[in-house]
Protein backbone atom coordinates (compact mmCIF):
# COMPACT_ATOMS: atom_id res chain seq x y z
CA MET A 1 -0.05 0.03 -0.02
CA ARG A 2 1.48 3.33 -0.97
CA PHE A 3 1.42 6.78 0.48
CA LEU A 4 -1.70 7.88 -1.54
CA GLN A 5 -3.56 4.79 -0.53
CA THR A 6 -2.79 5.36 3.06
CA PHE A 7 -3.66 9.04 2.89
CA TYR A 8 -7.03 8.16 1.25
CA LEU A 9 -7.81 5.60 3.92
CA THR A 10 -6.93 7.98 6.80
CA HIS A 11 -8.67 11.08 5.35
CA PHE A 12 -11.26 10.33 2.79
CA SER A 13 -12.44 6.69 3.00
CA LYS A 14 -16.16 5.86 3.70
CA PRO A 15 -17.55 5.28 6.20
CA ALA A 16 -15.84 8.27 7.88
CA SER A 17 -15.73 6.69 11.26
CA TYR A 18 -13.34 3.97 9.99
CA ARG A 19 -10.77 6.68 9.46
CA SER A 20 -9.96 6.86 13.21
CA ILE A 21 -9.16 3.17 13.15
CA TYR A 22 -6.93 3.65 10.07
CA ARG A 23 -5.13 6.71 11.67
CA HIS A 24 -4.54 4.66 14.82
CA ILE A 25 -2.89 1.97 12.75
CA GLN A 26 -0.72 4.49 10.96
CA GLN A 27 0.37 6.16 14.18
CA GLU A 28 0.60 3.33 16.68
CA HIS A 29 1.62 0.27 14.36
CA PRO A 30 -0.33 -2.36 16.34
CA ARG A 31 0.58 -5.99 15.68
CA LYS A 32 -2.11 -8.02 17.53
CA VAL A 33 -5.64 -7.32 16.48
CA LEU A 34 -8.93 -8.59 17.88
CA GLU A 35 -11.94 -7.78 15.92
CA ILE A 36 -15.37 -8.73 17.27
CA GLY A 37 -17.88 -8.56 14.46
CA ILE A 38 -16.42 -8.70 10.88
CA GLN A 39 -19.61 -7.65 8.92
CA ASN A 40 -18.74 -7.72 5.19
CA GLY A 41 -14.95 -7.75 5.73
CA GLU A 42 -14.17 -4.63 3.81
CA ARG A 43 -12.97 -2.83 7.03
CA THR A 44 -10.93 -5.86 7.95
CA ILE A 45 -9.11 -6.10 4.70
CA ALA A 46 -8.29 -2.32 4.62
CA MET A 47 -7.00 -2.60 8.23
CA LEU A 48 -4.84 -5.71 7.57
CA LYS A 49 -3.26 -4.21 4.47
CA LEU A 50 -2.39 -1.03 6.37
CA LEU A 51 -1.00 -3.14 9.23
CA LEU A 52 1.16 -5.03 6.81
CA GLN A 53 2.55 -1.77 5.41
CA PHE A 54 3.69 -0.56 8.90
CA CYS A 55 4.71 -3.85 10.52
CA GLY A 56 6.98 -5.27 7.81
CA GLU A 57 6.88 -9.06 8.00
CA LYS A 58 3.50 -10.80 7.49
CA SER A 59 4.32 -12.97 10.51
CA ASP A 60 4.54 -9.94 12.79
CA VAL A 61 0.80 -9.33 12.39
CA HIS A 62 -1.64 -11.59 14.34
CA TYR A 63 -5.38 -11.23 13.58
CA SER A 64 -8.19 -12.83 15.61
CA CYS A 65 -11.84 -12.41 14.64
CA VAL A 66 -14.88 -13.38 16.72
CA ASP A 67 -18.17 -13.49 14.76
CA PRO A 68 -21.10 -15.85 14.73
CA PHE A 69 -20.66 -16.26 10.93
CA GLU A 70 -23.36 -18.73 9.73
CA SER A 71 -25.03 -18.71 13.16
CA ARG A 72 -25.69 -14.89 13.07
CA ALA A 73 -29.12 -13.72 14.15
CA GLN A 74 -31.07 -11.31 12.15
CA GLU A 75 -30.19 -8.42 14.62
CA ASP A 76 -26.45 -9.10 13.67
CA GLY A 77 -27.18 -7.96 10.16
CA PRO A 78 -25.49 -9.32 6.97
CA GLY A 79 -22.07 -10.77 7.20
CA LEU A 80 -19.60 -13.33 5.86
CA SER A 81 -19.62 -17.06 6.05
CA LEU A 82 -16.60 -18.53 7.87
CA ARG A 83 -15.40 -20.06 4.71
CA LYS A 84 -15.55 -16.83 2.74
CA ALA A 85 -13.82 -14.90 5.59
CA HIS A 86 -11.08 -17.54 5.65
CA ARG A 87 -10.54 -17.23 1.96
CA MET A 88 -10.49 -13.41 2.11
CA ILE A 89 -8.02 -13.22 4.92
CA ASN A 90 -5.81 -16.06 3.79
CA LYS A 91 -5.02 -14.14 0.54
CA LEU A 92 -3.07 -11.70 2.81
CA GLU A 93 -0.97 -14.64 4.15
CA ILE A 94 -0.99 -13.35 7.75
CA PRO A 95 -1.45 -15.51 10.84
CA SER A 96 -5.14 -15.46 11.68
CA ARG A 97 -7.68 -17.13 13.91
CA LEU A 98 -11.40 -16.94 13.05
CA ILE A 99 -13.59 -17.99 15.91
CA PRO A 100 -17.19 -18.89 15.07
CA LEU A 101 -18.72 -18.26 18.57
CA SER A 102 -20.71 -15.70 20.41
CA PRO A 103 -18.50 -12.90 21.76
CA LEU A 104 -19.04 -14.10 25.36
CA ASN A 105 -17.96 -17.70 24.71
CA ALA A 106 -15.13 -16.74 22.48
CA VAL A 107 -13.62 -14.25 24.94
CA ARG A 108 -13.87 -16.86 27.76
CA GLN A 109 -12.17 -19.49 25.39
CA LEU A 110 -9.53 -17.08 24.32
CA TYR A 111 -8.77 -16.27 27.97
CA LEU A 112 -8.87 -19.77 29.39
CA ASN A 113 -6.77 -21.30 26.58
CA ARG A 114 -4.37 -18.37 26.35
CA MET A 115 -4.99 -18.24 22.57
CA ILE A 116 -4.05 -14.56 22.35
CA GLU A 117 -2.32 -12.24 24.72
CA LYS A 118 -1.87 -8.48 25.01
CA VAL A 119 -3.85 -7.43 21.98
CA ASP A 120 -2.97 -3.84 20.99
CA LEU A 121 -5.98 -3.11 18.68
CA VAL A 122 -9.54 -4.07 19.51
CA ILE A 123 -12.54 -3.40 17.29
CA ILE A 124 -15.94 -4.12 18.74
CA ALA A 125 -18.87 -4.16 16.35
CA THR A 126 -21.82 -6.03 17.74
CA PRO A 127 -25.45 -4.94 17.98
CA ASN A 128 -25.87 -6.34 21.46
CA ILE A 129 -23.20 -5.64 24.13
CA ASP A 130 -24.80 -7.61 26.93
CA TRP A 131 -22.03 -10.31 26.47
CA LEU A 132 -19.30 -7.93 27.73
CA GLU A 133 -20.10 -7.57 31.39
CA PRO A 134 -19.96 -11.20 32.29
CA CYS A 135 -16.48 -11.51 30.74
CA LEU A 136 -14.97 -8.15 31.43
CA THR A 137 -12.18 -9.39 33.61
CA SER A 138 -11.10 -11.99 31.12
CA PHE A 139 -11.42 -9.40 28.29
CA ARG A 140 -9.09 -7.09 30.26
CA GLU A 141 -6.45 -9.76 30.60
CA LEU A 142 -6.40 -10.21 26.77
CA ILE A 143 -5.81 -6.52 26.01
CA HIS A 144 -2.57 -4.60 26.37
CA GLU A 145 -2.97 -1.54 28.76
CA SER A 146 -2.27 0.84 25.94
CA ALA A 147 -4.45 -0.81 23.42
CA GLY A 148 -6.53 1.17 20.97
CA ILE A 149 -10.09 0.16 21.65
CA PHE A 150 -12.76 1.06 18.98
CA PHE A 151 -16.34 0.74 20.04
CA GLY A 152 -18.94 0.57 17.26
CA VAL A 153 -22.06 2.42 18.06
CA PRO A 154 -24.92 0.98 15.84
CA THR A 155 -26.49 3.45 13.44
CA GLN A 156 -29.54 3.59 11.20
CA LYS A 157 -27.54 3.97 8.09
CA PRO A 158 -27.38 0.98 5.84
CA GLU A 159 -23.97 1.97 4.35
CA GLU A 160 -22.48 2.49 7.94
CA ARG A 161 -23.80 -0.12 10.43
CA TYR A 162 -21.49 1.22 13.14
CA SER A 163 -19.97 4.53 13.91
CA PHE A 164 -16.63 3.90 15.74
CA GLU A 165 -15.45 5.81 18.83
CA LYS A 166 -12.05 5.36 20.32
CA ILE A 167 -12.41 4.55 24.06
CA ASP A 168 -10.28 3.46 26.92
CA PHE A 169 -10.83 0.52 29.16
CA ASN A 170 -12.59 2.46 31.85
CA VAL A 171 -15.19 3.67 29.33
CA LEU A 172 -15.54 0.08 28.10
CA GLU A 173 -16.33 -0.92 31.79
CA TYR A 174 -18.90 1.82 31.89
CA ILE A 175 -20.51 0.56 28.66
CA ALA A 176 -20.62 -2.94 29.95
CA SER A 177 -22.32 -2.04 33.16
CA ASN A 178 -24.83 0.36 31.42
CA HIS A 179 -25.90 -2.16 28.66
CA GLY A 180 -24.17 -0.49 25.80
CA GLU A 181 -24.79 3.28 26.73
CA LEU A 182 -21.93 5.50 26.10
CA PRO A 183 -20.93 7.92 28.81
CA GLN A 184 -20.99 11.69 28.37
CA HIS A 185 -18.40 12.94 25.92
CA ASN A 186 -15.89 14.16 28.45
CA LEU A 187 -15.26 10.53 29.60
CA ARG A 188 -14.25 9.27 26.25
CA ALA A 189 -10.67 8.63 25.26
CA ALA A 190 -8.90 11.32 23.30
């Protein structure tokens, strides 16, 4: 990916709320990514290509995705099959783990089996956040203390299912205990 492509992603790409994720990647160069909710995969591929540009070796990037895939409910909206997601991500030849479970079960499994550690970029895009509170302690153990956490707020726009906000873990705890409600704007991460 060249300078112009990076500039486009970080300044002009649509949906606009994805730009903050792309800028975070450009500035922080995260190497371990956990995405909860892949949707159609476009954001994922753009993120991973950008990560590869800044991380050098493909083996330096580790991507994990939690999604119901074929088991998705109507409220989850359209998404990819597990097979299609594997094909799409395998083209980039990076180490990846796609986990076809509910977020609650997946986070517990990731934690108990030590499948990933100290993730430095987290994207949460699920219509229902009730899964988070019961596994918050496990979730905290999976995430590096300086991780970029991007929380997707559901929208009514078909072209942008989620509007992403960068938050810190304290805000994530607030969201979990308040059933998905974001705190007032002065509590959000910069």
